[in-house]
Amino acid sequence: MGVVTGIVLYAIIWFMTFLVALQVRVTTQDDIGKGRVAGTHGSAPAETHLRARVIWTSGVAAVLWSVIAAIIVFDLITLEDIDLFTRFGLGSSAR
C-alpha cells in the first residue's frame, strides 16, 4: 500500500466513523426542555460536543486504519480467500 492509498483509506475510515459518532449520545433541544433556538427543529442537538467527537473519531479511526492496513500490507486476507465464484466451481481459476 502506498502513502497516498494509506491517506485515502484513513480519510474514508475517519469520515465513516465521524458520521457514526455524530449519532451517539445526542441530546435534543426537546429532551432538555429549555426551549428551541429560533429557526431550528426540536430534534436538533442542544450541544454538539464537536471537539470531543473529532478527537474520539481520530483515535478510533487510527485503530481501525492500523488493523485494516496490517491486513492489506501483510496479505492476511487475499482475493483468493473471498473469491466464492471460483471456490464453488462456477468459474476458472487464474492460478
N, C-alpha and C. Protein backbone atom coordinates (compact mmCIF):
# COMPACT_ATOMS: atom_id res chain seq x y z
N MET A 1 0.85 -1.16 0.00
CA MET A 1 0.00 0.00 0.00
C MET A 1 0.90 1.23 0.00
N GLY A 2 0.61 2.13 -0.90
CA GLY A 2 1.38 3.36 -1.00
C GLY A 2 0.93 4.40 0.02
N VAL A 3 1.66 5.49 0.08
CA VAL A 3 1.38 6.56 1.04
C VAL A 3 0.03 7.20 0.74
N VAL A 4 -0.21 7.52 -0.52
CA VAL A 4 -1.47 8.16 -0.89
C VAL A 4 -2.65 7.23 -0.62
N THR A 5 -2.48 5.95 -0.91
CA THR A 5 -3.54 4.98 -0.65
C THR A 5 -3.83 4.89 0.85
N GLY A 6 -2.80 4.92 1.66
CA GLY A 6 -2.98 4.89 3.10
C GLY A 6 -3.71 6.13 3.62
N ILE A 7 -3.38 7.29 3.06
CA ILE A 7 -4.05 8.54 3.47
C ILE A 7 -5.52 8.53 3.06
N VAL A 8 -5.78 8.06 1.84
CA VAL A 8 -7.17 8.00 1.37
C VAL A 8 -7.96 6.99 2.20
N LEU A 9 -7.37 5.86 2.52
CA LEU A 9 -8.03 4.86 3.35
C LEU A 9 -8.35 5.43 4.72
N TYR A 10 -7.41 6.16 5.32
CA TYR A 10 -7.65 6.78 6.63
C TYR A 10 -8.76 7.82 6.54
N ALA A 11 -8.78 8.61 5.48
CA ALA A 11 -9.81 9.64 5.34
C ALA A 11 -11.20 9.00 5.22
N ILE A 12 -11.30 7.93 4.46
CA ILE A 12 -12.59 7.26 4.31
C ILE A 12 -13.04 6.68 5.64
N ILE A 13 -12.14 6.02 6.35
CA ILE A 13 -12.47 5.45 7.66
C ILE A 13 -12.83 6.55 8.64
N TRP A 14 -12.10 7.67 8.61
CA TRP A 14 -12.36 8.77 9.54
C TRP A 14 -13.76 9.34 9.32
N PHE A 15 -14.12 9.61 8.07
CA PHE A 15 -15.44 10.19 7.81
C PHE A 15 -16.57 9.22 8.14
N MET A 16 -16.38 7.94 7.85
CA MET A 16 -17.41 6.97 8.21
C MET A 16 -17.56 6.88 9.73
N THR A 17 -16.46 6.90 10.44
CA THR A 17 -16.50 6.86 11.91
C THR A 17 -17.12 8.14 12.46
N PHE A 18 -16.82 9.26 11.84
CA PHE A 18 -17.38 10.54 12.30
C PHE A 18 -18.89 10.58 12.13
N LEU A 19 -19.38 10.06 11.01
CA LEU A 19 -20.82 10.06 10.78
C LEU A 19 -21.53 9.17 11.81
N VAL A 20 -20.89 8.10 12.24
CA VAL A 20 -21.46 7.27 13.30
C VAL A 20 -21.39 8.01 14.63
N ALA A 21 -20.27 8.66 14.90
CA ALA A 21 -20.08 9.36 16.18
C ALA A 21 -21.04 10.53 16.35
N LEU A 22 -21.48 11.12 15.25
CA LEU A 22 -22.43 12.22 15.36
C LEU A 22 -23.77 11.77 15.94
N GLN A 23 -24.08 10.48 15.81
CA GLN A 23 -25.37 9.97 16.28
C GLN A 23 -25.32 9.42 17.70
N VAL A 24 -24.15 9.32 18.29
CA VAL A 24 -24.00 8.71 19.61
C VAL A 24 -24.26 9.74 20.70
N ARG A 25 -25.11 9.41 21.65
CA ARG A 25 -25.44 10.23 22.83
C ARG A 25 -25.83 11.66 22.47
N VAL A 26 -26.76 11.80 21.57
CA VAL A 26 -27.25 13.11 21.17
C VAL A 26 -28.39 13.51 22.10
N THR A 27 -28.30 14.70 22.65
CA THR A 27 -29.37 15.26 23.46
C THR A 27 -30.04 16.35 22.64
N THR A 28 -31.32 16.15 22.36
CA THR A 28 -32.02 17.11 21.51
C THR A 28 -32.52 18.29 22.32
N GLN A 29 -32.94 19.31 21.61
CA GLN A 29 -33.47 20.50 22.27
C GLN A 29 -34.78 20.19 23.01
N ASP A 30 -35.58 19.28 22.46
CA ASP A 30 -36.81 18.89 23.13
C ASP A 30 -36.53 18.07 24.39
N ASP A 31 -35.44 17.28 24.39
CA ASP A 31 -35.09 16.49 25.57
C ASP A 31 -34.72 17.39 26.75
N ILE A 32 -34.04 18.47 26.48
CA ILE A 32 -33.61 19.37 27.54
C ILE A 32 -34.80 20.19 28.05
N GLY A 33 -35.66 20.62 27.15
CA GLY A 33 -36.87 21.32 27.54
C GLY A 33 -36.69 22.79 27.84
N LYS A 34 -35.55 23.37 27.53
CA LYS A 34 -35.31 24.79 27.78
C LYS A 34 -35.93 25.67 26.71
N GLY A 35 -36.42 25.06 25.67
CA GLY A 35 -36.94 25.84 24.54
C GLY A 35 -36.01 25.69 23.36
N ARG A 36 -36.54 25.99 22.24
CA ARG A 36 -35.77 25.82 21.00
C ARG A 36 -35.10 27.12 20.59
N VAL A 37 -34.00 26.95 19.88
CA VAL A 37 -33.36 28.10 19.24
C VAL A 37 -34.23 28.46 18.05
N ALA A 38 -34.45 29.72 17.85
CA ALA A 38 -35.33 30.17 16.78
C ALA A 38 -34.85 29.66 15.43
N GLY A 39 -35.79 29.07 14.69
CA GLY A 39 -35.48 28.59 13.35
C GLY A 39 -34.95 27.17 13.29
N THR A 40 -34.91 26.46 14.43
CA THR A 40 -34.43 25.08 14.42
C THR A 40 -35.56 24.13 14.77
N HIS A 41 -35.37 22.88 14.44
CA HIS A 41 -36.33 21.84 14.76
C HIS A 41 -36.08 21.34 16.17
N GLY A 42 -37.09 20.78 16.79
CA GLY A 42 -36.94 20.30 18.16
C GLY A 42 -35.98 19.13 18.29
N SER A 43 -35.76 18.39 17.21
CA SER A 43 -34.84 17.25 17.26
C SER A 43 -33.40 17.65 16.96
N ALA A 44 -33.15 18.92 16.79
CA ALA A 44 -31.78 19.39 16.59
C ALA A 44 -31.00 19.23 17.89
N PRO A 45 -29.71 18.91 17.81
CA PRO A 45 -28.94 18.72 19.03
C PRO A 45 -28.81 20.02 19.83
N ALA A 46 -28.89 19.87 21.15
CA ALA A 46 -28.72 21.04 22.01
C ALA A 46 -27.24 21.38 22.14
N GLU A 47 -26.41 20.39 22.31
CA GLU A 47 -24.95 20.56 22.40
C GLU A 47 -24.32 19.61 21.38
N THR A 48 -23.40 20.10 20.58
CA THR A 48 -22.79 19.22 19.57
C THR A 48 -21.58 18.47 20.09
N HIS A 49 -20.84 19.06 21.04
CA HIS A 49 -19.61 18.46 21.56
C HIS A 49 -18.69 18.06 20.41
N LEU A 50 -18.56 18.94 19.45
CA LEU A 50 -17.85 18.63 18.22
C LEU A 50 -16.37 18.35 18.44
N ARG A 51 -15.72 19.09 19.32
CA ARG A 51 -14.28 18.89 19.56
C ARG A 51 -14.02 17.48 20.13
N ALA A 52 -14.82 17.07 21.08
CA ALA A 52 -14.65 15.74 21.67
C ALA A 52 -14.95 14.65 20.65
N ARG A 53 -15.94 14.87 19.82
CA ARG A 53 -16.28 13.87 18.80
C ARG A 53 -15.16 13.73 17.77
N VAL A 54 -14.54 14.84 17.39
CA VAL A 54 -13.44 14.79 16.43
C VAL A 54 -12.24 14.06 17.04
N ILE A 55 -11.95 14.31 18.30
CA ILE A 55 -10.82 13.63 18.95
C ILE A 55 -11.07 12.14 19.06
N TRP A 56 -12.27 11.76 19.52
CA TRP A 56 -12.60 10.33 19.62
C TRP A 56 -12.60 9.67 18.24
N THR A 57 -13.13 10.36 17.25
CA THR A 57 -13.16 9.82 15.89
C THR A 57 -11.76 9.59 15.37
N SER A 58 -10.86 10.51 15.61
CA SER A 58 -9.48 10.36 15.14
C SER A 58 -8.80 9.15 15.78
N GLY A 59 -9.03 8.95 17.07
CA GLY A 59 -8.43 7.80 17.74
C GLY A 59 -8.99 6.47 17.26
N VAL A 60 -10.31 6.40 17.17
CA VAL A 60 -10.95 5.16 16.72
C VAL A 60 -10.57 4.87 15.27
N ALA A 61 -10.56 5.91 14.43
CA ALA A 61 -10.19 5.73 13.03
C ALA A 61 -8.74 5.27 12.89
N ALA A 62 -7.85 5.76 13.75
CA ALA A 62 -6.45 5.33 13.70
C ALA A 62 -6.31 3.86 14.05
N VAL A 63 -7.07 3.40 15.04
CA VAL A 63 -7.02 1.97 15.40
C VAL A 63 -7.59 1.11 14.28
N LEU A 64 -8.74 1.51 13.74
CA LEU A 64 -9.33 0.75 12.63
C LEU A 64 -8.42 0.75 11.41
N TRP A 65 -7.83 1.92 11.12
CA TRP A 65 -6.91 2.00 9.97
C TRP A 65 -5.71 1.10 10.16
N SER A 66 -5.15 1.05 11.35
CA SER A 66 -3.96 0.20 11.56
C SER A 66 -4.30 -1.27 11.39
N VAL A 67 -5.48 -1.69 11.82
CA VAL A 67 -5.88 -3.08 11.63
C VAL A 67 -6.08 -3.38 10.15
N ILE A 68 -6.80 -2.51 9.45
CA ILE A 68 -7.06 -2.74 8.03
C ILE A 68 -5.77 -2.63 7.21
N ALA A 69 -4.91 -1.68 7.55
CA ALA A 69 -3.63 -1.55 6.83
C ALA A 69 -2.76 -2.78 7.04
N ALA A 70 -2.75 -3.33 8.25
CA ALA A 70 -1.97 -4.54 8.51
C ALA A 70 -2.51 -5.71 7.69
N ILE A 71 -3.81 -5.82 7.58
CA ILE A 71 -4.41 -6.88 6.77
C ILE A 71 -4.00 -6.73 5.31
N ILE A 72 -3.97 -5.50 4.81
CA ILE A 72 -3.62 -5.26 3.41
C ILE A 72 -2.12 -5.48 3.19
N VAL A 73 -1.29 -4.92 4.03
CA VAL A 73 0.17 -4.97 3.83
C VAL A 73 0.72 -6.38 3.98
N PHE A 74 0.25 -7.11 4.98
CA PHE A 74 0.78 -8.44 5.24
C PHE A 74 0.00 -9.55 4.54
N ASP A 75 -0.92 -9.21 3.67
CA ASP A 75 -1.72 -10.16 2.90
C ASP A 75 -2.37 -11.22 3.78
N LEU A 76 -2.96 -10.79 4.89
CA LEU A 76 -3.63 -11.73 5.78
C LEU A 76 -4.92 -12.25 5.17
N ILE A 77 -5.59 -11.41 4.39
CA ILE A 77 -6.77 -11.81 3.64
C ILE A 77 -6.53 -11.41 2.19
N THR A 78 -6.61 -12.35 1.29
CA THR A 78 -6.38 -12.07 -0.12
C THR A 78 -7.68 -12.25 -0.90
N LEU A 79 -7.63 -11.91 -2.18
CA LEU A 79 -8.81 -12.08 -3.01
C LEU A 79 -9.18 -13.55 -3.17
N GLU A 80 -8.18 -14.42 -3.15
CA GLU A 80 -8.47 -15.85 -3.27
C GLU A 80 -9.26 -16.36 -2.06
N ASP A 81 -9.08 -15.72 -0.91
CA ASP A 81 -9.81 -16.13 0.29
C ASP A 81 -11.30 -15.80 0.20
N ILE A 82 -11.65 -14.76 -0.50
CA ILE A 82 -13.04 -14.34 -0.56
C ILE A 82 -13.67 -14.54 -1.94
N ASP A 83 -12.96 -15.17 -2.86
CA ASP A 83 -13.47 -15.40 -4.21
C ASP A 83 -14.37 -16.62 -4.22
N LEU A 84 -15.64 -16.41 -3.95
CA LEU A 84 -16.58 -17.52 -3.89
C LEU A 84 -16.96 -18.02 -5.28
N PHE A 85 -16.76 -17.21 -6.30
CA PHE A 85 -17.13 -17.60 -7.65
C PHE A 85 -16.32 -18.81 -8.10
N THR A 86 -15.01 -18.77 -7.95
CA THR A 86 -14.19 -19.91 -8.36
C THR A 86 -14.14 -20.99 -7.30
N ARG A 87 -14.39 -20.66 -6.05
CA ARG A 87 -14.35 -21.65 -4.99
C ARG A 87 -15.43 -22.72 -5.17
N PHE A 88 -16.59 -22.33 -5.67
CA PHE A 88 -17.68 -23.27 -5.86
C PHE A 88 -17.75 -23.82 -7.28
N GLY A 89 -16.68 -23.62 -8.06
CA GLY A 89 -16.59 -24.23 -9.38
C GLY A 89 -17.38 -23.52 -10.45
N LEU A 90 -17.75 -22.28 -10.26
CA LEU A 90 -18.54 -21.56 -11.24
C LEU A 90 -17.67 -20.88 -12.29
N GLY A 91 -16.42 -20.72 -12.02
CA GLY A 91 -15.51 -20.05 -12.95
C GLY A 91 -14.19 -20.79 -12.99
N SER A 92 -13.30 -20.31 -13.81
CA SER A 92 -12.00 -20.95 -13.90
C SER A 92 -11.01 -20.25 -12.98
N SER A 93 -10.14 -21.01 -12.39
CA SER A 93 -9.14 -20.44 -11.50
C SER A 93 -8.01 -19.86 -12.34
N ALA A 94 -7.55 -18.68 -11.99
CA ALA A 94 -6.49 -18.00 -12.75
C ALA A 94 -5.16 -18.19 -12.07
N ARG A 95 -4.86 -19.38 -11.62
CA ARG A 95 -3.60 -19.64 -10.92
C ARG A 95 -2.54 -20.16 -11.82
